[in-house]
Amino acid sequence: MMKTEIRATATDQDAPLLRKAEALAAQLKAMTPDGMGYRFTVRKYEATVARLGYDPIS
């Protein structure tokens, strides 16, 4: 079976947003869904992904 991987190419302008998305994703992994600040962090992550136009983590 042949496996194909497609990756989006990031521009230099996307670099800070990619770093922010990675940091927020790491933060979310360490949090519990019912923990303080979880929903706020999810909203920040979603806003960052919306600015990028794609989800670099998934």
C-alpha atoms as a PDB file:
ATOM      1  CA  MET A   1       0.000   0.000   0.000  1.00  0.00           C
ATOM      2  CA  MET A   2       1.359   3.381  -0.967  1.00  0.00           C
ATOM      3  CA  LYS A   3       1.042   6.206   1.527  1.00  0.00           C
ATOM      4  CA  THR A   4       0.921   9.837   0.448  1.00  0.00           C
ATOM      5  CA  GLU A   5       1.609  12.698   2.786  1.00  0.00           C
ATOM      6  CA  ILE A   6       0.620  16.229   1.878  1.00  0.00           C
ATOM      7  CA  ARG A   7       2.083  19.094   3.880  1.00  0.00           C
ATOM      8  CA  ALA A   8       1.305  22.748   3.511  1.00  0.00           C
ATOM      9  CA  THR A   9       4.237  25.047   2.937  1.00  0.00           C
ATOM     10  CA  ALA A  10       4.522  27.790   5.501  1.00  0.00           C
ATOM     11  CA  THR A  11       5.700  31.247   4.604  1.00  0.00           C
ATOM     12  CA  ASP A  12       7.933  33.409   6.740  1.00  0.00           C
ATOM     13  CA  GLN A  13       4.837  35.355   7.781  1.00  0.00           C
ATOM     14  CA  ASP A  14       3.268  32.166   9.133  1.00  0.00           C
ATOM     15  CA  ALA A  15       6.256  31.284  11.328  1.00  0.00           C
ATOM     16  CA  PRO A  16       5.162  33.248  14.431  1.00  0.00           C
ATOM     17  CA  LEU A  17       1.617  31.882  14.144  1.00  0.00           C
ATOM     18  CA  LEU A  18       2.943  28.334  13.767  1.00  0.00           C
ATOM     19  CA  ARG A  19       5.061  28.738  16.894  1.00  0.00           C
ATOM     20  CA  LYS A  20       2.058  30.129  18.764  1.00  0.00           C
ATOM     21  CA  ALA A  21      -0.187  27.273  17.585  1.00  0.00           C
ATOM     22  CA  GLU A  22       2.413  24.687  18.649  1.00  0.00           C
ATOM     23  CA  ALA A  23       2.808  26.324  22.060  1.00  0.00           C
ATOM     24  CA  LEU A  24      -0.954  26.481  22.597  1.00  0.00           C
ATOM     25  CA  ALA A  25      -1.357  22.844  21.502  1.00  0.00           C
ATOM     26  CA  ALA A  26       1.307  21.752  23.977  1.00  0.00           C
ATOM     27  CA  GLN A  27      -0.410  23.784  26.679  1.00  0.00           C
ATOM     28  CA  LEU A  28      -3.774  22.192  25.863  1.00  0.00           C
ATOM     29  CA  LYS A  29      -2.285  18.686  26.023  1.00  0.00           C
ATOM     30  CA  ALA A  30      -1.070  19.395  29.544  1.00  0.00           C
ATOM     31  CA  MET A  31      -4.444  20.753  30.695  1.00  0.00           C
ATOM     32  CA  THR A  32      -7.614  18.923  31.670  1.00  0.00           C
ATOM     33  CA  PRO A  33     -10.813  19.916  29.841  1.00  0.00           C
ATOM     34  CA  ASP A  34     -12.470  21.016  33.075  1.00  0.00           C
ATOM     35  CA  GLY A  35      -9.384  22.898  34.275  1.00  0.00           C
ATOM     36  CA  MET A  36      -9.043  26.642  34.695  1.00  0.00           C
ATOM     37  CA  GLY A  37      -8.264  28.483  31.501  1.00  0.00           C
ATOM     38  CA  TYR A  38      -8.920  25.510  29.199  1.00  0.00           C
ATOM     39  CA  ARG A  39     -11.772  27.141  27.278  1.00  0.00           C
ATOM     40  CA  PHE A  40      -9.832  30.399  26.984  1.00  0.00           C
ATOM     41  CA  THR A  41      -6.800  28.524  25.619  1.00  0.00           C
ATOM     42  CA  VAL A  42      -9.006  26.624  23.141  1.00  0.00           C
ATOM     43  CA  ARG A  43     -10.406  29.939  21.875  1.00  0.00           C
ATOM     44  CA  LYS A  44      -6.887  31.343  21.482  1.00  0.00           C
ATOM     45  CA  TYR A  45      -5.844  28.222  19.569  1.00  0.00           C
ATOM     46  CA  GLU A  46      -8.913  28.395  17.312  1.00  0.00           C
ATOM     47  CA  ALA A  47      -8.249  32.079  16.573  1.00  0.00           C
ATOM     48  CA  THR A  48      -4.637  31.293  15.670  1.00  0.00           C
ATOM     49  CA  VAL A  49      -5.717  28.452  13.370  1.00  0.00           C
ATOM     50  CA  ALA A  50      -8.284  30.739  11.728  1.00  0.00           C
ATOM     51  CA  ARG A  51      -5.555  33.308  10.989  1.00  0.00           C
ATOM     52  CA  LEU A  52      -3.355  30.592   9.478  1.00  0.00           C
ATOM     53  CA  GLY A  53      -6.174  29.133   7.408  1.00  0.00           C
ATOM     54  CA  TYR A  54      -5.340  25.539   8.379  1.00  0.00           C
ATOM     55  CA  ASP A  55      -4.617  23.486  11.479  1.00  0.00           C
ATOM     56  CA  PRO A  56      -0.885  22.728  11.525  1.00  0.00           C
ATOM     57  CA  ILE A  57      -1.148  20.261  14.400  1.00  0.00           C
ATOM     58  CA  SER A  58      -3.762  17.830  13.129  1.00  0.00           C
END
